[in-house]
PDB file of N, CA and C in Angstrom:
ATOM      1  N   MET A   1       0.821  -1.121   0.027  1.00  0.00           N
ATOM      2  CA  MET A   1       0.034  -0.058  -0.055  1.00  0.00           C
ATOM      3  C   MET A   1       0.896   1.190  -0.190  1.00  0.00           C
ATOM      4  N   THR A   2       0.523   2.117  -0.707  1.00  0.00           N
ATOM      5  CA  THR A   2       1.326   3.565  -0.798  1.00  0.00           C
ATOM      6  C   THR A   2       0.909   4.309   0.377  1.00  0.00           C
ATOM      7  N   ASP A   3       1.723   5.276   0.765  1.00  0.00           N
ATOM      8  CA  ASP A   3       1.676   6.176   1.777  1.00  0.00           C
ATOM      9  C   ASP A   3       0.433   6.978   1.562  1.00  0.00           C
ATOM     10  N   ALA A   4      -0.022   7.317   0.257  1.00  0.00           N
ATOM     11  CA  ALA A   4      -1.208   8.176   0.121  1.00  0.00           C
ATOM     12  C   ALA A   4      -2.335   7.382   0.619  1.00  0.00           C
ATOM     13  N   MET A   5      -2.456   5.930   0.329  1.00  0.00           N
ATOM     14  CA  MET A   5      -3.560   5.274   0.828  1.00  0.00           C
ATOM     15  C   MET A   5      -3.523   5.124   2.403  1.00  0.00           C
ATOM     16  N   VAL A   6      -2.359   4.966   2.971  1.00  0.00           N
ATOM     17  CA  VAL A   6      -2.334   4.837   4.340  1.00  0.00           C
ATOM     18  C   VAL A   6      -2.862   6.149   5.128  1.00  0.00           C
ATOM     19  N   THR A   7      -2.381   7.137   4.676  1.00  0.00           N
ATOM     20  CA  THR A   7      -2.779   8.464   5.250  1.00  0.00           C
ATOM     21  C   THR A   7      -3.959   9.104   4.861  1.00  0.00           C
ATOM     22  N   GLY A   8      -4.451   8.650   3.653  1.00  0.00           N
ATOM     23  CA  GLY A   8      -5.915   9.212   3.285  1.00  0.00           C
ATOM     24  C   GLY A   8      -5.558  10.368   2.340  1.00  0.00           C
ATOM     25  N   ARG A   9      -4.269  10.606   2.085  1.00  0.00           N
ATOM     26  CA  ARG A   9      -3.919  11.849   1.308  1.00  0.00           C
ATOM     27  C   ARG A   9      -3.891  11.441  -0.161  1.00  0.00           C
ATOM     28  N   MET A  10      -4.119  12.332  -1.034  1.00  0.00           N
ATOM     29  CA  MET A  10      -4.158  12.024  -2.428  1.00  0.00           C
ATOM     30  C   MET A  10      -3.187  12.936  -3.321  1.00  0.00           C
ATOM     31  N   PRO A  11      -2.771  12.691  -4.483  1.00  0.00           N
ATOM     32  CA  PRO A  11      -1.897  13.412  -5.095  1.00  0.00           C
ATOM     33  C   PRO A  11      -2.690  14.982  -5.388  1.00  0.00           C
ATOM     34  N   GLU A  12      -2.020  15.991  -5.445  1.00  0.00           N
ATOM     35  CA  GLU A  12      -2.552  17.353  -5.493  1.00  0.00           C
ATOM     36  C   GLU A  12      -3.412  17.585  -6.971  1.00  0.00           C
ATOM     37  N   ARG A  13      -2.706  16.929  -7.932  1.00  0.00           N
ATOM     38  CA  ARG A  13      -3.330  16.970  -9.309  1.00  0.00           C
ATOM     39  C   ARG A  13      -4.701  16.339  -9.220  1.00  0.00           C
ATOM     40  N   LYS A  14      -4.873  15.233  -8.646  1.00  0.00           N
ATOM     41  CA  LYS A  14      -6.103  14.488  -8.648  1.00  0.00           C
ATOM     42  C   LYS A  14      -7.149  15.250  -7.724  1.00  0.00           C
ATOM     43  N   LYS A  15      -6.673  15.841  -6.761  1.00  0.00           N
ATOM     44  CA  LYS A  15      -7.503  16.652  -5.816  1.00  0.00           C
ATOM     45  C   LYS A  15      -8.010  17.794  -6.548  1.00  0.00           C
ATOM     46  N   GLN A  16      -7.204  18.446  -7.347  1.00  0.00           N
ATOM     47  CA  GLN A  16      -7.546  19.635  -8.221  1.00  0.00           C
ATOM     48  C   GLN A  16      -8.618  19.331  -9.201  1.00  0.00           C
ATOM     49  N   GLN A  17      -8.356  18.143 -10.046  1.00  0.00           N
ATOM     50  CA  GLN A  17      -9.280  17.741 -11.148  1.00  0.00           C
ATOM     51  C   GLN A  17     -10.606  17.354 -10.405  1.00  0.00           C
ATOM     52  N   GLY A  18     -10.632  16.787  -9.337  1.00  0.00           N
ATOM     53  CA  GLY A  18     -11.985  16.335  -8.709  1.00  0.00           C
ATOM     54  C   GLY A  18     -12.667  17.703  -8.232  1.00  0.00           C
ATOM     55  N   LEU A  19     -11.895  18.670  -7.784  1.00  0.00           N
ATOM     56  CA  LEU A  19     -12.656  19.913  -7.227  1.00  0.00           C
ATOM     57  C   LEU A  19     -13.232  20.667  -8.357  1.00  0.00           C
ATOM     58  N   ARG A  20     -12.434  20.576  -9.595  1.00  0.00           N
ATOM     59  CA  ARG A  20     -12.998  21.323 -10.761  1.00  0.00           C
ATOM     60  C   ARG A  20     -14.329  20.718 -11.270  1.00  0.00           C
ATOM     61  N   VAL A  21     -14.429  19.416 -11.228  1.00  0.00           N
ATOM     62  CA  VAL A  21     -15.582  18.698 -11.361  1.00  0.00           C
ATOM     63  C   VAL A  21     -16.624  19.100 -10.607  1.00  0.00           C
ATOM     64  N   LEU A  22     -16.501  18.997  -9.206  1.00  0.00           N
ATOM     65  CA  LEU A  22     -17.499  19.458  -8.178  1.00  0.00           C
ATOM     66  C   LEU A  22     -17.951  20.854  -8.329  1.00  0.00           C
ATOM     67  N   LYS A  23     -16.975  21.701  -8.646  1.00  0.00           N
ATOM     68  CA  LYS A  23     -17.360  23.110  -8.824  1.00  0.00           C
ATOM     69  C   LYS A  23     -18.144  23.348 -10.055  1.00  0.00           C
ATOM     70  N   ARG A  24     -17.777  22.739 -11.075  1.00  0.00           N
ATOM     71  CA  ARG A  24     -18.560  22.811 -12.326  1.00  0.00           C
ATOM     72  C   ARG A  24     -20.134  22.387 -12.002  1.00  0.00           C
ATOM     73  N   ASP A  25     -20.311  21.383 -11.287  1.00  0.00           N
ATOM     74  CA  ASP A  25     -21.638  20.920 -10.984  1.00  0.00           C
ATOM     75  C   ASP A  25     -22.346  21.594  -9.618  1.00  0.00           C
ATOM     76  N   GLY A  26     -21.633  22.616  -9.141  1.00  0.00           N
ATOM     77  CA  GLY A  26     -22.154  23.417  -8.101  1.00  0.00           C
ATOM     78  C   GLY A  26     -21.993  22.807  -6.740  1.00  0.00           C
ATOM     79  N   MET A  27     -21.127  21.951  -6.538  1.00  0.00           N
ATOM     80  CA  MET A  27     -20.833  21.387  -5.148  1.00  0.00           C
ATOM     81  C   MET A  27     -19.512  21.634  -4.760  1.00  0.00           C
ATOM     82  N   ASN A  28     -19.310  21.483  -3.434  1.00  0.00           N
ATOM     83  CA  ASN A  28     -17.866  21.535  -2.823  1.00  0.00           C
ATOM     84  C   ASN A  28     -17.549  20.072  -2.313  1.00  0.00           C
ATOM     85  N   ALA A  29     -16.361  19.976  -2.028  1.00  0.00           N
ATOM     86  CA  ALA A  29     -15.947  18.715  -1.256  1.00  0.00           C
ATOM     87  C   ALA A  29     -16.631  18.167  -0.112  1.00  0.00           C
ATOM     88  N   SER A  30     -16.960  19.153   0.572  1.00  0.00           N
ATOM     89  CA  SER A  30     -17.734  18.770   1.921  1.00  0.00           C
ATOM     90  C   SER A  30     -19.098  18.197   1.561  1.00  0.00           C
ATOM     91  N   GLN A  31     -19.637  18.898   0.603  1.00  0.00           N
ATOM     92  CA  GLN A  31     -21.063  18.273   0.222  1.00  0.00           C
ATOM     93  C   GLN A  31     -20.927  16.949  -0.491  1.00  0.00           C
ATOM     94  N   ALA A  32     -19.972  16.721  -1.293  1.00  0.00           N
ATOM     95  CA  ALA A  32     -19.673  15.549  -1.891  1.00  0.00           C
ATOM     96  C   ALA A  32     -19.427  14.471  -0.854  1.00  0.00           C
ATOM     97  N   VAL A  33     -18.756  14.684   0.241  1.00  0.00           N
ATOM     98  CA  VAL A  33     -18.398  13.622   1.126  1.00  0.00           C
ATOM     99  C   VAL A  33     -19.529  13.492   1.930  1.00  0.00           C
ATOM    100  N   ASN A  34     -20.478  14.391   2.231  1.00  0.00           N
ATOM    101  CA  ASN A  34     -21.785  14.149   2.928  1.00  0.00           C
ATOM    102  C   ASN A  34     -22.569  13.265   2.199  1.00  0.00           C
ATOM    103  N   LEU A  35     -22.683  13.551   0.929  1.00  0.00           N
ATOM    104  CA  LEU A  35     -23.486  12.483   0.166  1.00  0.00           C
ATOM    105  C   LEU A  35     -22.847  11.137   0.104  1.00  0.00           C
ATOM    106  N   LEU A  36     -21.607  11.080  -0.015  1.00  0.00           N
ATOM    107  CA  LEU A  36     -20.963   9.714  -0.029  1.00  0.00           C
ATOM    108  C   LEU A  36     -21.377   9.016   1.296  1.00  0.00           C
ATOM    109  N   PHE A  37     -21.268   9.702   2.392  1.00  0.00           N
ATOM    110  CA  PHE A  37     -21.580   8.972   3.706  1.00  0.00           C
ATOM    111  C   PHE A  37     -23.052   8.684   3.747  1.00  0.00           C
ATOM    112  N   ASP A  38     -24.061   9.531   3.159  1.00  0.00           N
ATOM    113  CA  ASP A  38     -25.510   9.165   3.078  1.00  0.00           C
ATOM    114  C   ASP A  38     -25.535   7.953   2.470  1.00  0.00           C
ATOM    115  N   ARG A  39     -24.777   7.765   1.351  1.00  0.00           N
ATOM    116  CA  ARG A  39     -24.951   6.420   0.386  1.00  0.00           C
ATOM    117  C   ARG A  39     -24.454   5.319   1.105  1.00  0.00           C
ATOM    118  N   LEU A  40     -23.239   5.571   1.807  1.00  0.00           N
ATOM    119  CA  LEU A  40     -22.774   4.375   2.663  1.00  0.00           C
ATOM    120  C   LEU A  40     -23.557   3.871   3.505  1.00  0.00           C
ATOM    121  N   ILE A  41     -24.286   4.788   4.329  1.00  0.00           N
ATOM    122  CA  ILE A  41     -25.236   4.447   5.442  1.00  0.00           C
ATOM    123  C   ILE A  41     -26.526   3.699   4.738  1.00  0.00           C
ATOM    124  N   GLU A  42     -26.831   4.182   3.597  1.00  0.00           N
ATOM    125  CA  GLU A  42     -28.110   3.667   2.923  1.00  0.00           C
ATOM    126  C   GLU A  42     -27.819   2.251   2.466  1.00  0.00           C
ATOM    127  N   GLU A  43     -26.403   2.221   1.893  1.00  0.00           N
ATOM    128  CA  GLU A  43     -26.348   0.848   1.306  1.00  0.00           C
ATOM    129  C   GLU A  43     -25.811  -0.244   2.226  1.00  0.00           C
ATOM    130  N   GLY A  44     -25.142   0.346   3.371  1.00  0.00           N
ATOM    131  CA  GLY A  44     -24.489  -0.496   4.464  1.00  0.00           C
ATOM    132  C   GLY A  44     -23.479  -1.152   3.935  1.00  0.00           C
ATOM    133  N   SER A  45     -22.592  -0.714   2.805  1.00  0.00           N
ATOM    134  CA  SER A  45     -21.518  -1.316   2.275  1.00  0.00           C
ATOM    135  C   SER A  45     -20.810  -0.443   1.393  1.00  0.00           C
ATOM    136  N   VAL A  46     -19.726  -0.589   0.959  1.00  0.00           N
ATOM    137  CA  VAL A  46     -18.748   0.334   0.034  1.00  0.00           C
ATOM    138  C   VAL A  46     -18.887  -0.537  -1.274  1.00  0.00           C
ATOM    139  N   ASP A  47     -19.595  -1.606  -1.474  1.00  0.00           N
ATOM    140  CA  ASP A  47     -19.596  -2.367  -2.700  1.00  0.00           C
ATOM    141  C   ASP A  47     -20.039  -1.467  -3.972  1.00  0.00           C
ATOM    142  N   PHE A  48     -20.876  -0.600  -3.849  1.00  0.00           N
ATOM    143  CA  PHE A  48     -21.179   0.442  -4.769  1.00  0.00           C
ATOM    144  C   PHE A  48     -20.225   1.291  -5.412  1.00  0.00           C
ATOM    145  N   LEU A  49     -19.001   1.526  -4.530  1.00  0.00           N
ATOM    146  CA  LEU A  49     -17.887   2.313  -4.943  1.00  0.00           C
ATOM    147  C   LEU A  49     -17.019   1.558  -5.931  1.00  0.00           C
ATOM    148  N   LEU A  50     -17.138   0.093  -5.687  1.00  0.00           N
ATOM    149  CA  LEU A  50     -16.124  -0.709  -6.419  1.00  0.00           C
ATOM    150  C   LEU A  50     -16.796  -1.542  -7.484  1.00  0.00           C
ATOM    151  N   GLN A  51     -18.147  -1.641  -7.621  1.00  0.00           N
ATOM    152  CA  GLN A  51     -18.724  -2.602  -8.638  1.00  0.00           C
ATOM    153  C   GLN A  51     -18.632  -2.116 -10.137  1.00  0.00           C
ATOM    154  N   ASP A  52     -18.727  -0.589 -10.373  1.00  0.00           N
ATOM    155  CA  ASP A  52     -18.663  -0.171 -11.673  1.00  0.00           C
ATOM    156  C   ASP A  52     -17.404  -0.491 -12.311  1.00  0.00           C
ATOM    157  N   GLY A  53     -16.370  -0.572 -11.527  1.00  0.00           N
ATOM    158  CA  GLY A  53     -15.032  -0.719 -12.168  1.00  0.00           C
ATOM    159  C   GLY A  53     -14.848  -2.186 -12.552  1.00  0.00           C
ATOM    160  N   ASP A  54     -15.635  -3.137 -12.048  1.00  0.00           N
ATOM    161  CA  ASP A  54     -15.567  -4.474 -12.405  1.00  0.00           C
ATOM    162  C   ASP A  54     -16.660  -4.840 -13.395  1.00  0.00           C
ATOM    163  N   ALA A  55     -17.620  -3.999 -13.722  1.00  0.00           N
ATOM    164  CA  ALA A  55     -18.625  -4.429 -14.550  1.00  0.00           C
ATOM    165  C   ALA A  55     -18.358  -3.990 -16.070  1.00  0.00           C
ATOM    166  N   SER A  56     -18.751  -4.427 -16.909  1.00  0.00           N
ATOM    167  CA  SER A  56     -18.471  -4.213 -18.354  1.00  0.00           C
ATOM    168  C   SER A  56     -19.441  -3.088 -18.768  1.00  0.00           C
ATOM    169  N   ALA A  57     -19.184  -2.331 -19.793  1.00  0.00           N
ATOM    170  CA  ALA A  57     -19.849  -1.285 -20.319  1.00  0.00           C
ATOM    171  C   ALA A  57     -21.352  -1.786 -20.501  1.00  0.00           C
ATOM    172  N   ASP A  58     -21.479  -3.053 -21.126  1.00  0.00           N
ATOM    173  CA  ASP A  58     -22.864  -3.408 -21.340  1.00  0.00           C
ATOM    174  C   ASP A  58     -23.654  -3.729 -20.094  1.00  0.00           C
ATOM    175  N   GLU A  59     -22.843  -4.186 -19.119  1.00  0.00           N
ATOM    176  CA  GLU A  59     -23.526  -4.417 -17.859  1.00  0.00           C
ATOM    177  C   GLU A  59     -24.000  -2.986 -17.087  1.00  0.00           C
ATOM    178  N   ARG A  60     -23.176  -2.030 -17.229  1.00  0.00           N
ATOM    179  CA  ARG A  60     -23.601  -0.718 -16.665  1.00  0.00           C
ATOM    180  C   ARG A  60     -24.663  -0.165 -17.373  1.00  0.00           C
ATOM    181  N   TRP A  61     -24.749  -0.306 -18.746  1.00  0.00           N
ATOM    182  CA  TRP A  61     -25.959   0.167 -19.402  1.00  0.00           C
ATOM    183  C   TRP A  61     -27.144  -0.701 -19.202  1.00  0.00           C
ATOM    184  N   ALA A  62     -27.123  -1.919 -19.035  1.00  0.00           N
ATOM    185  CA  ALA A  62     -28.303  -2.701 -18.622  1.00  0.00           C
ATOM    186  C   ALA A  62     -28.684  -2.292 -17.216  1.00  0.00           C
ATOM    187  N   SER A  63     -27.770  -2.079 -16.406  1.00  0.00           N
ATOM    188  CA  SER A  63     -28.172  -1.560 -15.037  1.00  0.00           C
ATOM    189  C   SER A  63     -28.960  -0.162 -14.967  1.00  0.00           C
ATOM    190  N   ALA A  64     -28.353   0.583 -15.837  1.00  0.00           N
ATOM    191  CA  ALA A  64     -28.905   1.905 -15.955  1.00  0.00           C
ATOM    192  C   ALA A  64     -30.313   1.822 -16.597  1.00  0.00           C
ATOM    193  N   ALA A  65     -30.426   0.993 -17.645  1.00  0.00           N
ATOM    194  CA  ALA A  65     -31.751   0.772 -18.244  1.00  0.00           C
ATOM    195  C   ALA A  65     -32.924   0.233 -17.308  1.00  0.00           C
ATOM    196  N   ARG A  66     -32.376  -0.679 -16.313  1.00  0.00           N
ATOM    197  CA  ARG A  66     -33.194  -1.333 -15.474  1.00  0.00           C
ATOM    198  C   ARG A  66     -33.664  -0.183 -14.327  1.00  0.00           C
ATOM    199  N   PHE A  67     -32.703   0.662 -14.001  1.00  0.00           N
ATOM    200  CA  PHE A  67     -33.140   1.751 -13.156  1.00  0.00           C
ATOM    201  C   PHE A  67     -34.211   2.651 -13.791  1.00  0.00           C
ATOM    202  N   VAL A  68     -33.864   3.208 -14.903  1.00  0.00           N
ATOM    203  CA  VAL A  68     -34.703   4.016 -15.676  1.00  0.00           C
ATOM    204  C   VAL A  68     -36.145   3.282 -15.961  1.00  0.00           C
ATOM    205  N   ASP A  69     -36.271   2.011 -16.206  1.00  0.00           N
ATOM    206  CA  ASP A  69     -37.493   1.386 -16.377  1.00  0.00           C
ATOM    207  C   ASP A  69     -38.272   1.332 -15.107  1.00  0.00           C
ATOM    208  N   SER A  70     -37.492   1.494 -13.868  1.00  0.00           N
ATOM    209  CA  SER A  70     -38.314   1.050 -12.657  1.00  0.00           C
ATOM    210  C   SER A  70     -38.797   2.364 -12.113  1.00  0.00           C
ATOM    211  N   LEU A  71     -38.516   3.509 -12.844  1.00  0.00           N
ATOM    212  CA  LEU A  71     -39.023   4.860 -12.350  1.00  0.00           C
ATOM    213  C   LEU A  71     -40.462   4.985 -12.875  1.00  0.00           C
ATOM    214  N   SER A  72     -41.382   5.651 -11.840  1.00  0.00           N
ATOM    215  CA  SER A  72     -42.683   5.565 -12.426  1.00  0.00           C
ATOM    216  C   SER A  72     -43.042   6.595 -13.560  1.00  0.00           C
ATOM    217  N   ARG A  73     -44.000   6.345 -14.187  1.00  0.00           N
ATOM    218  CA  ARG A  73     -44.252   7.212 -15.430  1.00  0.00           C
ATOM    219  C   ARG A  73     -45.295   8.179 -14.895  1.00  0.00           C
ATOM    220  N   LYS A  74     -45.029   9.297 -15.481  1.00  0.00           N
ATOM    221  CA  LYS A  74     -46.085  10.405 -15.300  1.00  0.00           C
ATOM    222  C   LYS A  74     -47.307  10.261 -16.051  1.00  0.00           C
ATOM    223  N   ARG A  75     -48.334  10.409 -15.188  1.00  0.00           N
ATOM    224  CA  ARG A  75     -49.766  10.256 -15.857  1.00  0.00           C
ATOM    225  C   ARG A  75     -50.191  11.647 -16.355  1.00  0.00           C
ATOM    226  N   SER A  76     -50.664  11.448 -17.517  1.00  0.00           N
ATOM    227  CA  SER A  76     -51.168  12.851 -18.050  1.00  0.00           C
ATOM    228  C   SER A  76     -52.630  12.967 -17.964  1.00  0.00           C
ATOM    229  N   THR A  77     -52.960  14.064 -17.974  1.00  0.00           N
ATOM    230  CA  THR A  77     -54.446  14.469 -17.874  1.00  0.00           C
ATOM    231  C   THR A  77     -54.735  15.577 -18.875  1.00  0.00           C
ATOM    232  N   ARG A  78     -56.062  15.818 -18.918  1.00  0.00           N
ATOM    233  CA  ARG A  78     -56.356  16.927 -19.913  1.00  0.00           C
ATOM    234  C   ARG A  78     -56.018  18.247 -19.450  1.00  0.00           C
ATOM    235  N   PHE A  79     -55.794  18.380 -18.127  1.00  0.00           N
ATOM    236  CA  PHE A  79     -55.357  19.603 -17.547  1.00  0.00           C
ATOM    237  C   PHE A  79     -53.977  19.982 -17.858  1.00  0.00           C
ATOM    238  N   ASP A  80     -53.160  19.028 -18.422  1.00  0.00           N
ATOM    239  CA  ASP A  80     -51.597  19.358 -18.362  1.00  0.00           C
ATOM    240  C   ASP A  80     -51.251  20.580 -19.125  1.00  0.00           C
ATOM    241  N   ASP A  81     -51.937  20.754 -20.112  1.00  0.00           N
ATOM    242  CA  ASP A  81     -51.615  22.000 -21.022  1.00  0.00           C
ATOM    243  C   ASP A  81     -52.487  23.174 -20.750  1.00  0.00           C
ATOM    244  N   MET A  82     -53.233  23.250 -19.617  1.00  0.00           N
ATOM    245  CA  MET A  82     -54.160  24.297 -19.373  1.00  0.00           C
ATOM    246  C   MET A  82     -53.326  25.291 -18.323  1.00  0.00           C
ATOM    247  N   THR A  83     -53.661  26.509 -18.396  1.00  0.00           N
ATOM    248  CA  THR A  83     -53.314  27.444 -17.320  1.00  0.00           C
ATOM    249  C   THR A  83     -54.221  27.124 -16.169  1.00  0.00           C
ATOM    250  N   LYS A  84     -53.932  27.680 -15.065  1.00  0.00           N
ATOM    251  CA  LYS A  84     -54.758  27.532 -13.779  1.00  0.00           C
ATOM    252  C   LYS A  84     -56.074  28.235 -14.078  1.00  0.00           C
ATOM    253  N   ALA A  85     -56.089  29.360 -14.719  1.00  0.00           N
ATOM    254  CA  ALA A  85     -57.631  29.985 -15.065  1.00  0.00           C
ATOM    255  C   ALA A  85     -58.260  28.905 -15.840  1.00  0.00           C
ATOM    256  N   GLU A  86     -57.729  28.360 -16.907  1.00  0.00           N
ATOM    257  CA  GLU A  86     -58.474  27.461 -17.707  1.00  0.00           C
ATOM    258  C   GLU A  86     -59.125  26.281 -17.088  1.00  0.00           C
ATOM    259  N   ILE A  87     -58.137  25.857 -16.134  1.00  0.00           N
ATOM    260  CA  ILE A  87     -58.580  24.656 -15.312  1.00  0.00           C
ATOM    261  C   ILE A  87     -59.804  25.112 -14.531  1.00  0.00           C
ATOM    262  N   LYS A  88     -59.733  26.238 -13.808  1.00  0.00           N
ATOM    263  CA  LYS A  88     -60.856  26.714 -12.907  1.00  0.00           C
ATOM    264  C   LYS A  88     -62.056  26.894 -13.749  1.00  0.00           C
ATOM    265  N   PHE A  89     -62.007  27.605 -15.052  1.00  0.00           N
ATOM    266  CA  PHE A  89     -63.084  27.734 -15.837  1.00  0.00           C
ATOM    267  C   PHE A  89     -63.740  26.564 -16.241  1.00  0.00           C
ATOM    268  N   ASP A  90     -62.917  25.402 -16.610  1.00  0.00           N
ATOM    269  CA  ASP A  90     -63.360  24.106 -17.160  1.00  0.00           C
ATOM    270  C   ASP A  90     -64.120  23.401 -15.891  1.00  0.00           C
ATOM    271  N   ARG A  91     -63.655  23.566 -14.722  1.00  0.00           N
ATOM    272  CA  ARG A  91     -64.281  22.909 -13.572  1.00  0.00           C
ATOM    273  C   ARG A  91     -65.653  23.467 -13.269  1.00  0.00           C
ATOM    274  N   LEU A  92     -65.631  24.847 -13.336  1.00  0.00           N
ATOM    275  CA  LEU A  92     -66.766  25.656 -13.099  1.00  0.00           C
ATOM    276  C   LEU A  92     -67.843  25.296 -14.097  1.00  0.00           C
ATOM    277  N   ALA A  93     -67.394  25.258 -15.362  1.00  0.00           N
ATOM    278  CA  ALA A  93     -68.422  24.775 -16.466  1.00  0.00           C
ATOM    279  C   ALA A  93     -68.899  23.363 -16.219  1.00  0.00           C
ATOM    280  N   ALA A  94     -68.212  22.550 -15.880  1.00  0.00           N
ATOM    281  CA  ALA A  94     -68.487  21.219 -15.681  1.00  0.00           C
ATOM    282  C   ALA A  94     -69.619  21.061 -14.577  1.00  0.00           C
ATOM    283  N   LYS A  95     -69.747  22.030 -13.747  1.00  0.00           N
ATOM    284  CA  LYS A  95     -70.584  22.141 -12.639  1.00  0.00           C
ATOM    285  C   LYS A  95     -71.794  22.946 -12.972  1.00  0.00           C
ATOM    286  N   GLY A  96     -71.635  23.492 -14.330  1.00  0.00           N
ATOM    287  CA  GLY A  96     -72.742  24.290 -14.855  1.00  0.00           C
ATOM    288  C   GLY A  96     -72.837  25.627 -14.138  1.00  0.00           C
ATOM    289  N   LEU A  97     -71.714  26.189 -13.666  1.00  0.00           N
ATOM    290  CA  LEU A  97     -71.802  27.537 -12.915  1.00  0.00           C
ATOM    291  C   LEU A  97     -71.407  28.639 -13.859  1.00  0.00           C
ATOM    292  N   VAL A  98     -70.969  28.451 -15.055  1.00  0.00           N
ATOM    293  CA  VAL A  98     -70.687  29.362 -15.982  1.00  0.00           C
ATOM    294  C   VAL A  98     -71.318  29.306 -17.295  1.00  0.00           C
TER     295      VAL A  98
END
């Protein structure tokens, strides 16, 4: 094991590259670490940090597709393209009030 792994330190170049990515996406290192710990607690394991490196690109795409397919679908209604005023008018008209 290298000294960087034992002490938890990383090369400065790697740190700066990571900080640039976080900044670009509107986060800082503290926020990222907080999210990491939330995920660690939720998963109860560090496997999620390691598994993508072992999975092939096809396996990662299949996993992503399963996740997307598991998301609930938005139900559309006739009100979706109406303004609030149009919805109110439609409801009042349905009750015979206008």
